C-alpha atoms as a PDB file:
ATOM      1  CA  MET A   1      20.828  -8.627 -18.893  1.00  0.00           C
ATOM      2  CA  ASP A   2      20.928 -12.369 -18.952  1.00  0.00           C
ATOM      3  CA  GLU A   3      18.233 -12.704 -21.859  1.00  0.00           C
ATOM      4  CA  ALA A   4      18.326 -15.567 -24.456  1.00  0.00           C
ATOM      5  CA  ARG A   5      15.871 -16.847 -27.162  1.00  0.00           C
ATOM      6  CA  THR A   6      13.924 -19.739 -26.151  1.00  0.00           C
ATOM      7  CA  ARG A   7      11.660 -21.696 -28.838  1.00  0.00           C
ATOM      8  CA  TYR A   8       8.116 -22.725 -27.635  1.00  0.00           C
ATOM      9  CA  LEU A   9       6.041 -25.024 -29.714  1.00  0.00           C
ATOM     10  CA  ILE A  10       2.836 -22.989 -30.454  1.00  0.00           C
ATOM     11  CA  ASP A  11       0.088 -24.740 -32.503  1.00  0.00           C
ATOM     12  CA  GLY A  12       2.380 -27.037 -34.307  1.00  0.00           C
ATOM     13  CA  ARG A  13       5.275 -24.817 -34.812  1.00  0.00           C
ATOM     14  CA  GLU A  14       8.150 -23.149 -33.122  1.00  0.00           C
ATOM     15  CA  LEU A  15       8.009 -19.578 -31.736  1.00  0.00           C
ATOM     16  CA  SER A  16      11.131 -17.886 -30.725  1.00  0.00           C
ATOM     17  CA  VAL A  17      10.769 -15.789 -27.605  1.00  0.00           C
ATOM     18  CA  LEU A  18      13.160 -13.443 -25.955  1.00  0.00           C
ATOM     19  CA  GLU A  19      13.313 -14.687 -22.156  1.00  0.00           C
ATOM     20  CA  ALA A  20      15.073 -13.429 -19.388  1.00  0.00           C
ATOM     21  CA  PRO A  21      15.190 -14.892 -15.560  1.00  0.00           C
ATOM     22  CA  ALA A  22      14.476 -13.157 -12.530  1.00  0.00           C
ATOM     23  CA  ARG A  23      17.471 -11.577 -11.138  1.00  0.00           C
ATOM     24  CA  ALA A  24      16.300 -11.141  -7.670  1.00  0.00           C
ATOM     25  CA  ASP A  25      18.380 -13.661  -5.612  1.00  0.00           C
ATOM     26  CA  ASP A  26      15.568 -14.820  -3.647  1.00  0.00           C
ATOM     27  CA  GLN A  27      13.218 -15.476  -6.431  1.00  0.00           C
ATOM     28  CA  ALA A  28      15.721 -17.037  -9.110  1.00  0.00           C
ATOM     29  CA  GLY A  29      14.519 -20.440 -10.116  1.00  0.00           C
ATOM     30  CA  GLN A  30      11.762 -20.951  -7.683  1.00  0.00           C
ATOM     31  CA  ASP A  31       9.045 -18.838  -8.642  1.00  0.00           C
ATOM     32  CA  ASP A  32       5.830 -19.726 -10.254  1.00  0.00           C
ATOM     33  CA  ARG A  33       5.091 -16.436 -12.004  1.00  0.00           C
ATOM     34  CA  ALA A  34       5.945 -14.741 -15.417  1.00  0.00           C
ATOM     35  CA  ILE A  35       5.312 -11.555 -17.285  1.00  0.00           C
ATOM     36  CA  ILE A  36       4.565 -11.698 -20.909  1.00  0.00           C
ATOM     37  CA  LEU A  37       5.810  -8.418 -22.390  1.00  0.00           C
ATOM     38  CA  LEU A  38       4.301  -7.124 -25.740  1.00  0.00           C
ATOM     39  CA  HIS A  39       5.894  -4.503 -27.999  1.00  0.00           C
ATOM     40  CA  GLY A  40       4.488  -1.944 -30.313  1.00  0.00           C
ATOM     41  CA  LEU A  41       3.747  -1.596 -34.014  1.00  0.00           C
ATOM     42  CA  THR A  42       7.175  -1.794 -36.004  1.00  0.00           C
ATOM     43  CA  ALA A  43       9.086  -2.534 -32.765  1.00  0.00           C
ATOM     44  CA  SER A  44      10.215  -5.892 -31.518  1.00  0.00           C
ATOM     45  CA  ALA A  45      10.881  -7.840 -28.510  1.00  0.00           C
ATOM     46  CA  ALA A  46      14.591  -6.481 -28.437  1.00  0.00           C
ATOM     47  CA  THR A  47      13.113  -2.888 -28.126  1.00  0.00           C
ATOM     48  CA  MET A  48      11.664  -3.826 -24.875  1.00  0.00           C
ATOM     49  CA  LYS A  49      15.037  -4.410 -23.135  1.00  0.00           C
ATOM     50  CA  PRO A  50      14.658  -1.550 -20.757  1.00  0.00           C
ATOM     51  CA  GLN A  51      11.401  -2.777 -19.519  1.00  0.00           C
ATOM     52  CA  ILE A  52      12.909  -6.414 -19.417  1.00  0.00           C
ATOM     53  CA  GLU A  53      15.763  -5.035 -17.242  1.00  0.00           C
ATOM     54  CA  LEU A  54      13.358  -3.300 -14.823  1.00  0.00           C
ATOM     55  CA  LEU A  55      10.985  -6.344 -14.582  1.00  0.00           C
ATOM     56  CA  THR A  56      13.506  -8.926 -13.851  1.00  0.00           C
ATOM     57  CA  GLY A  57      15.397  -6.642 -11.480  1.00  0.00           C
ATOM     58  CA  ALA A  58      12.021  -6.681  -9.565  1.00  0.00           C
ATOM     59  CA  GLY A  59      12.066 -10.557  -9.421  1.00  0.00           C
ATOM     60  CA  PHE A  60       9.878 -11.454 -12.414  1.00  0.00           C
ATOM     61  CA  VAL A  61      10.658 -13.803 -15.376  1.00  0.00           C
ATOM     62  CA  CYS A  62      10.083 -12.066 -18.355  1.00  0.00           C
ATOM     63  CA  LEU A  63       9.219 -13.335 -21.887  1.00  0.00           C
ATOM     64  CA  ALA A  64       8.830 -10.840 -24.855  1.00  0.00           C
ATOM     65  CA  PRO A  65       7.647 -12.540 -27.994  1.00  0.00           C
ATOM     66  CA  ASP A  66       7.797 -10.721 -31.475  1.00  0.00           C
ATOM     67  CA  ALA A  67       4.646 -10.029 -32.983  1.00  0.00           C
ATOM     68  CA  PRO A  68       3.809 -11.595 -36.388  1.00  0.00           C
ATOM     69  CA  HIS A  69       5.798  -9.877 -39.011  1.00  0.00           C
ATOM     70  CA  HIS A  70       7.920  -8.007 -36.639  1.00  0.00           C
ATOM     71  CA  GLY A  71      11.806  -8.272 -35.562  1.00  0.00           C
ATOM     72  CA  PRO A  72      13.236 -11.672 -36.788  1.00  0.00           C
ATOM     73  CA  ARG A  73       9.888 -12.466 -38.320  1.00  0.00           C
ATOM     74  CA  ASP A  74       9.930  -9.533 -40.760  1.00  0.00           C
ATOM     75  CA  ASP A  75       8.775 -10.715 -44.140  1.00  0.00           C
ATOM     76  CA  GLY A  76       7.921  -7.336 -45.822  1.00  0.00           C
ATOM     77  CA  PHE A  77       4.285  -7.221 -44.494  1.00  0.00           C
ATOM     78  CA  LEU A  78       4.814  -3.990 -42.419  1.00  0.00           C
ATOM     79  CA  ALA A  79       6.400  -2.169 -45.615  1.00  0.00           C
ATOM     80  CA  ALA A  80       3.357  -3.123 -47.644  1.00  0.00           C
ATOM     81  CA  MET A  81       1.101  -2.083 -44.625  1.00  0.00           C
ATOM     82  CA  HIS A  82       2.791   1.336 -44.495  1.00  0.00           C
ATOM     83  CA  GLU A  83       2.223   1.802 -48.212  1.00  0.00           C
ATOM     84  CA  ALA A  84      -1.484   0.499 -48.250  1.00  0.00           C
ATOM     85  CA  PRO A  85      -4.647   2.710 -48.188  1.00  0.00           C
ATOM     86  CA  PRO A  86      -6.489   3.416 -44.885  1.00  0.00           C
ATOM     87  CA  THR A  87      -8.940   0.376 -44.983  1.00  0.00           C
ATOM     88  CA  ARG A  88      -6.129  -1.992 -46.220  1.00  0.00           C
ATOM     89  CA  ALA A  89      -3.795  -0.698 -43.416  1.00  0.00           C
ATOM     90  CA  HIS A  90      -6.573  -1.035 -40.781  1.00  0.00           C
ATOM     91  CA  ALA A  91      -7.179  -4.605 -41.903  1.00  0.00           C
ATOM     92  CA  CYS A  92      -3.457  -5.360 -41.766  1.00  0.00           C
ATOM     93  CA  LEU A  93      -3.159  -4.142 -38.090  1.00  0.00           C
ATOM     94  CA  LEU A  94      -6.109  -6.466 -37.355  1.00  0.00           C
ATOM     95  CA  ASP A  95      -4.267  -9.338 -39.145  1.00  0.00           C
ATOM     96  CA  ILE A  96      -1.411  -8.807 -36.663  1.00  0.00           C
ATOM     97  CA  VAL A  97      -3.216  -8.309 -33.413  1.00  0.00           C
ATOM     98  CA  THR A  98      -5.690 -11.101 -33.954  1.00  0.00           C
ATOM     99  CA  ALA A  99      -2.946 -13.498 -34.772  1.00  0.00           C
ATOM    100  CA  TRP A 100      -0.967 -12.430 -31.831  1.00  0.00           C
ATOM    101  CA  ILE A 101      -3.738 -12.799 -29.401  1.00  0.00           C
ATOM    102  CA  ASP A 102      -3.944 -16.473 -30.519  1.00  0.00           C
ATOM    103  CA  GLU A 103      -0.214 -16.859 -30.036  1.00  0.00           C
ATOM    104  CA  VAL A 104      -0.193 -15.291 -26.750  1.00  0.00           C
ATOM    105  CA  ALA A 105      -3.026 -17.685 -25.473  1.00  0.00           C
ATOM    106  CA  ALA A 106      -1.074 -20.502 -26.695  1.00  0.00           C
ATOM    107  CA  LEU A 107       2.330 -19.268 -25.149  1.00  0.00           C
ATOM    108  CA  GLN A 108       0.188 -19.027 -21.844  1.00  0.00           C
ATOM    109  CA  ARG A 109      -0.782 -22.620 -22.129  1.00  0.00           C
ATOM    110  CA  ALA A 110       2.702 -23.795 -22.818  1.00  0.00           C
ATOM    111  CA  LEU A 111       4.043 -21.688 -19.922  1.00  0.00           C
ATOM    112  CA  ARG A 112       1.372 -23.048 -17.296  1.00  0.00           C
ATOM    113  CA  ALA A 113       2.191 -26.644 -18.452  1.00  0.00           C
ATOM    114  CA  ALA A 114       5.752 -25.746 -17.733  1.00  0.00           C
ATOM    115  CA  GLY A 115       5.072 -24.728 -14.121  1.00  0.00           C
ATOM    116  CA  LYS A 116       4.373 -20.938 -14.612  1.00  0.00           C
ATOM    117  CA  ARG A 117       0.806 -20.947 -13.238  1.00  0.00           C
ATOM    118  CA  ARG A 118       0.485 -17.102 -12.539  1.00  0.00           C
ATOM    119  CA  LEU A 119       0.966 -14.958 -15.596  1.00  0.00           C
ATOM    120  CA  ALA A 120       0.679 -11.432 -16.409  1.00  0.00           C
ATOM    121  CA  VAL A 121       0.360  -9.715 -19.842  1.00  0.00           C
ATOM    122  CA  VAL A 122       1.854  -6.362 -20.183  1.00  0.00           C
ATOM    123  CA  GLY A 123       1.586  -4.552 -23.627  1.00  0.00           C
ATOM    124  CA  VAL A 124       2.420  -1.296 -25.161  1.00  0.00           C
ATOM    125  CA  SER A 125       0.352   0.282 -27.924  1.00  0.00           C
ATOM    126  CA  MET A 126      -0.408  -2.629 -30.114  1.00  0.00           C
ATOM    127  CA  GLY A 127       0.953  -4.690 -27.518  1.00  0.00           C
ATOM    128  CA  GLY A 128      -1.685  -3.351 -25.224  1.00  0.00           C
ATOM    129  CA  HIS A 129      -4.400  -3.990 -27.827  1.00  0.00           C
ATOM    130  CA  THR A 130      -3.160  -7.545 -27.683  1.00  0.00           C
ATOM    131  CA  ALA A 131      -3.075  -7.777 -23.999  1.00  0.00           C
ATOM    132  CA  LEU A 132      -6.544  -6.751 -23.848  1.00  0.00           C
ATOM    133  CA  GLY A 133      -7.570  -9.210 -26.599  1.00  0.00           C
ATOM    134  CA  ALA A 134      -5.808 -11.874 -24.420  1.00  0.00           C
ATOM    135  CA  MET A 135      -8.868 -11.440 -21.821  1.00  0.00           C
ATOM    136  CA  LEU A 136     -11.183 -13.088 -24.690  1.00  0.00           C
ATOM    137  CA  ARG A 137      -8.995 -16.258 -24.903  1.00  0.00           C
ATOM    138  CA  GLU A 138      -8.425 -19.068 -22.563  1.00  0.00           C
ATOM    139  CA  PRO A 139      -6.464 -19.129 -20.515  1.00  0.00           C
ATOM    140  CA  ARG A 140      -7.084 -15.767 -19.426  1.00  0.00           C
ATOM    141  CA  PRO A 141      -3.940 -13.958 -17.889  1.00  0.00           C
ATOM    142  CA  ASP A 142      -4.086 -13.532 -13.962  1.00  0.00           C
ATOM    143  CA  VAL A 143      -3.189  -9.673 -14.497  1.00  0.00           C
ATOM    144  CA  CYS A 144      -3.604  -7.371 -17.476  1.00  0.00           C
ATOM    145  CA  VAL A 145      -1.744  -4.175 -17.949  1.00  0.00           C
ATOM    146  CA  PRO A 146      -2.268  -2.308 -21.164  1.00  0.00           C
ATOM    147  CA  LEU A 147      -0.338   0.915 -21.734  1.00  0.00           C
ATOM    148  CA  ILE A 148      -1.305   3.712 -24.281  1.00  0.00           C
ATOM    149  CA  SER A 149      -3.806   1.384 -26.074  1.00  0.00           C
ATOM    150  CA  THR A 150      -7.372   0.828 -26.961  1.00  0.00           C
ATOM    151  CA  PRO A 151     -10.011  -1.809 -26.542  1.00  0.00           C
ATOM    152  CA  SER A 152     -11.743  -0.730 -29.659  1.00  0.00           C
ATOM    153  CA  TRP A 153     -10.884  -1.884 -32.936  1.00  0.00           C
ATOM    154  CA  GLU A 154     -12.620   0.940 -35.036  1.00  0.00           C
ATOM    155  CA  PRO A 155     -10.301   2.543 -37.609  1.00  0.00           C
ATOM    156  CA  ARG A 156      -8.763   5.963 -36.640  1.00  0.00           C
ATOM    157  CA  ARG A 157      -7.176   6.864 -39.832  1.00  0.00           C
ATOM    158  CA  VAL A 158      -9.215   9.364 -41.987  1.00  0.00           C
ATOM    159  CA  GLY A 159     -10.907   7.403 -44.951  1.00  0.00           C
ATOM    160  CA  ALA A 160     -10.629   3.862 -43.383  1.00  0.00           C
ATOM    161  CA  ALA A 161     -13.686   1.766 -43.533  1.00  0.00           C
ATOM    162  CA  ARG A 162     -14.696  -0.298 -40.620  1.00  0.00           C
ATOM    163  CA  ASP A 163     -13.604  -4.180 -40.642  1.00  0.00           C
ATOM    164  CA  PRO A 164     -15.961  -6.964 -39.924  1.00  0.00           C
ATOM    165  CA  ARG A 165     -13.503  -7.938 -37.105  1.00  0.00           C
ATOM    166  CA  ASP A 166     -14.265  -4.680 -35.300  1.00  0.00           C
ATOM    167  CA  VAL A 167     -17.004  -6.345 -33.519  1.00  0.00           C
ATOM    168  CA  GLN A 168     -14.581  -9.015 -31.937  1.00  0.00           C
ATOM    169  CA  ALA A 169     -12.811  -6.082 -30.017  1.00  0.00           C
ATOM    170  CA  PRO A 170     -12.666  -6.372 -26.224  1.00  0.00           C
ATOM    171  CA  VAL A 171     -14.759  -3.273 -25.790  1.00  0.00           C
ATOM    172  CA  HIS A 172     -17.620  -5.360 -26.817  1.00  0.00           C
ATOM    173  CA  PHE A 173     -16.819  -8.085 -24.070  1.00  0.00           C
ATOM    174  CA  PRO A 174     -16.380  -6.306 -20.758  1.00  0.00           C
ATOM    175  CA  GLU A 175     -17.853  -9.046 -18.932  1.00  0.00           C
ATOM    176  CA  ARG A 176     -14.654 -10.932 -19.622  1.00  0.00           C
ATOM    177  CA  PHE A 177     -12.444  -8.635 -17.601  1.00  0.00           C
ATOM    178  CA  PRO A 178     -13.405  -8.928 -13.677  1.00  0.00           C
ATOM    179  CA  PRO A 179     -12.257  -9.956 -11.408  1.00  0.00           C
ATOM    180  CA  THR A 180      -8.921  -9.980 -13.166  1.00  0.00           C
ATOM    181  CA  PRO A 181      -6.664  -6.909 -12.049  1.00  0.00           C
ATOM    182  CA  LEU A 182      -6.435  -4.444 -14.755  1.00  0.00           C
ATOM    183  CA  LEU A 183      -4.186  -1.400 -14.859  1.00  0.00           C
ATOM    184  CA  ALA A 184      -4.719   0.857 -17.864  1.00  0.00           C
ATOM    185  CA  ILE A 185      -2.194   3.624 -18.615  1.00  0.00           C
ATOM    186  CA  THR A 186      -3.091   6.356 -21.032  1.00  0.00           C
ATOM    187  CA  ALA A 187      -1.580   9.538 -22.365  1.00  0.00           C
ATOM    188  CA  GLY A 188      -3.999  12.539 -22.342  1.00  0.00           C
ATOM    189  CA  ARG A 189      -2.689  14.129 -25.518  1.00  0.00           C
ATOM    190  CA  ASP A 190      -2.170  10.778 -27.427  1.00  0.00           C
ATOM    191  CA  SER A 191      -2.772  11.554 -31.120  1.00  0.00           C
ATOM    192  CA  ILE A 192      -2.043   7.992 -32.294  1.00  0.00           C
ATOM    193  CA  VAL A 193      -4.093   6.132 -29.720  1.00  0.00           C
ATOM    194  CA  PRO A 194      -6.529   8.612 -28.248  1.00  0.00           C
ATOM    195  CA  PRO A 195      -7.288   7.852 -24.667  1.00  0.00           C
ATOM    196  CA  GLY A 196     -11.138   8.284 -25.024  1.00  0.00           C
ATOM    197  CA  PRO A 197     -12.010   4.549 -25.750  1.00  0.00           C
ATOM    198  CA  MET A 198      -9.977   3.431 -22.825  1.00  0.00           C
ATOM    199  CA  ARG A 199     -11.468   6.000 -20.540  1.00  0.00           C
ATOM    200  CA  ALA A 200     -15.034   4.954 -21.579  1.00  0.00           C
ATOM    201  CA  PHE A 201     -14.247   1.258 -21.181  1.00  0.00           C
ATOM    202  CA  VAL A 202     -12.920   1.673 -17.644  1.00  0.00           C
ATOM    203  CA  ALA A 203     -16.046   3.456 -16.850  1.00  0.00           C
ATOM    204  CA  THR A 204     -18.230   0.531 -18.249  1.00  0.00           C
ATOM    205  CA  LEU A 205     -16.032  -1.756 -16.334  1.00  0.00           C
ATOM    206  CA  ARG A 206     -16.518  -0.063 -12.977  1.00  0.00           C
ATOM    207  CA  PRO A 207     -19.821  -1.426 -12.076  1.00  0.00           C
ATOM    208  CA  LEU A 208     -18.517  -4.890 -12.983  1.00  0.00           C
ATOM    209  CA  TYR A 209     -15.650  -4.594 -10.608  1.00  0.00           C
ATOM    210  CA  ALA A 210     -18.076  -3.182  -7.786  1.00  0.00           C
ATOM    211  CA  ALA A 211     -17.400  -6.077  -5.538  1.00  0.00           C
ATOM    212  CA  PHE A 212     -13.495  -5.468  -5.929  1.00  0.00           C
ATOM    213  CA  PRO A 213     -12.834  -1.827  -7.058  1.00  0.00           C
ATOM    214  CA  GLU A 214      -9.173  -2.122  -5.891  1.00  0.00           C
ATOM    215  CA  ARG A 215      -8.669  -4.540  -8.882  1.00  0.00           C
ATOM    216  CA  LEU A 216      -9.391  -1.742 -11.449  1.00  0.00           C
ATOM    217  CA  HIS A 217      -7.025   1.331 -12.042  1.00  0.00           C
ATOM    218  CA  HIS A 218      -6.718   3.844 -14.693  1.00  0.00           C
ATOM    219  CA  ARG A 219      -3.902   6.167 -14.633  1.00  0.00           C
ATOM    220  CA  ASP A 220      -3.975   8.964 -17.143  1.00  0.00           C
ATOM    221  CA  PHE A 221      -0.849  11.167 -18.105  1.00  0.00           C
ATOM    222  CA  PRO A 222      -2.622  14.288 -19.016  1.00  0.00           C
ATOM    223  CA  GLU A 223       0.564  16.218 -20.566  1.00  0.00           C
ATOM    224  CA  SER A 224       2.038  13.081 -22.671  1.00  0.00           C
ATOM    225  CA  ASP A 225       1.339  12.276 -26.288  1.00  0.00           C
ATOM    226  CA  HIS A 226       1.782   8.679 -27.555  1.00  0.00           C
ATOM    227  CA  VAL A 227       5.626   8.976 -27.133  1.00  0.00           C
ATOM    228  CA  MET A 228       5.149   9.734 -23.537  1.00  0.00           C
ATOM    229  CA  ARG A 229       7.386  12.383 -21.858  1.00  0.00           C
ATOM    230  CA  PRO A 230      10.466  10.659 -20.267  1.00  0.00           C
ATOM    231  CA  GLU A 231       9.305  11.378 -16.759  1.00  0.00           C
ATOM    232  CA  ASP A 232       5.801  10.168 -17.475  1.00  0.00           C
ATOM    233  CA  TRP A 233       7.188   7.071 -19.147  1.00  0.00           C
ATOM    234  CA  GLN A 234       9.359   6.296 -16.101  1.00  0.00           C
ATOM    235  CA  ALA A 235       6.313   7.045 -13.650  1.00  0.00           C
ATOM    236  CA  ALA A 236       4.008   4.722 -15.943  1.00  0.00           C
ATOM    237  CA  TRP A 237       6.476   1.767 -15.492  1.00  0.00           C
ATOM    238  CA  GLN A 238       6.891   2.367 -11.664  1.00  0.00           C
ATOM    239  CA  GLU A 239       3.000   2.180 -11.554  1.00  0.00           C
ATOM    240  CA  VAL A 240       3.289  -1.109 -13.474  1.00  0.00           C
ATOM    241  CA  LEU A 241       5.900  -2.550 -11.210  1.00  0.00           C
ATOM    242  CA  ALA A 242       3.694  -1.553  -8.118  1.00  0.00           C
ATOM    243  CA  TRP A 243       0.634  -3.206  -9.702  1.00  0.00           C
ATOM    244  CA  LEU A 244       2.520  -6.253 -10.541  1.00  0.00           C
ATOM    245  CA  ALA A 245       4.077  -6.590  -7.021  1.00  0.00           C
ATOM    246  CA  ARG A 246       0.405  -6.186  -5.461  1.00  0.00           C
ATOM    247  CA  TRP A 247      -1.484  -8.705  -7.814  1.00  0.00           C
ATOM    248  CA  LEU A 248       1.356 -11.193  -8.643  1.00  0.00           C
ATOM    249  CA  PRO A 249       3.290 -11.463  -5.498  1.00  0.00           C
ATOM    250  CA  PRO A 250       5.967 -14.111  -4.949  1.00  0.00           C
ATOM    251  CA  ALA A 251       4.793 -17.620  -4.014  1.00  0.00           C
ATOM    252  CA  PRO A 252       5.488 -18.234  -0.520  1.00  0.00           C
ATOM    253  CA  PRO A 253       8.618 -20.120   0.320  1.00  0.00           C
ATOM    254  CA  SER A 254       8.183 -24.053   0.397  1.00  0.00           C
ATOM    255  CA  ARG A 255       8.609 -25.644   3.902  1.00  0.00           C
ATOM    256  CA  PRO A 256      11.303 -28.073   4.103  1.00  0.00           C
ATOM    257  CA  GLY A 257      10.212 -31.826   4.581  1.00  0.00           C
END
């Protein structure tokens, strides 16, 4: 995989992003679309290399930023979060997610200014929370794909009190989503991010997508936990690829002259 670190100026500071070009010969260097790929809690952009390989092989430029305090940005925050009591740990998670949402919005602005006019945000677990949150900022992504994630920011750990920012969660703003194509992937036995809130959110969205029901799809893998069964994980990413190919197709070739 021919990936490299690219530095983008985000809100007055540099953000290092793992970036890989499209590997399909007919798309290299001429496409106006890109995928922003977001990892989960305690992971990093580097852990998403198999998915980067899959997406670039299908003809997409792929950019994978590291979340605040993750990967090369590790500063001890995650270690302190791990030792924190439930309420503080929940606040730390929201610190990361809300900051990352703003960074993803700024990255989209930078990419659009550079000619990548059509963008999808695809996120796993915490990255999926962030992908959903990206729908609350401008510019909104053209396609949104959250995997094993939730639109709700209510605490899940026993003993954790609610954070004032819980009311800013995507679940409270369903009107921000249509007509953007949204594919939600859940795991039926997920004990880390239970699928119930996402199922309920999709049900809330369906009337809002009534004029274009094909733009909203929920795929549940009932036998998988948060770390999905290998066959389900593979099937989920094939579903993601099909969704991206449908809603973020290649630009038509330019006519000579």
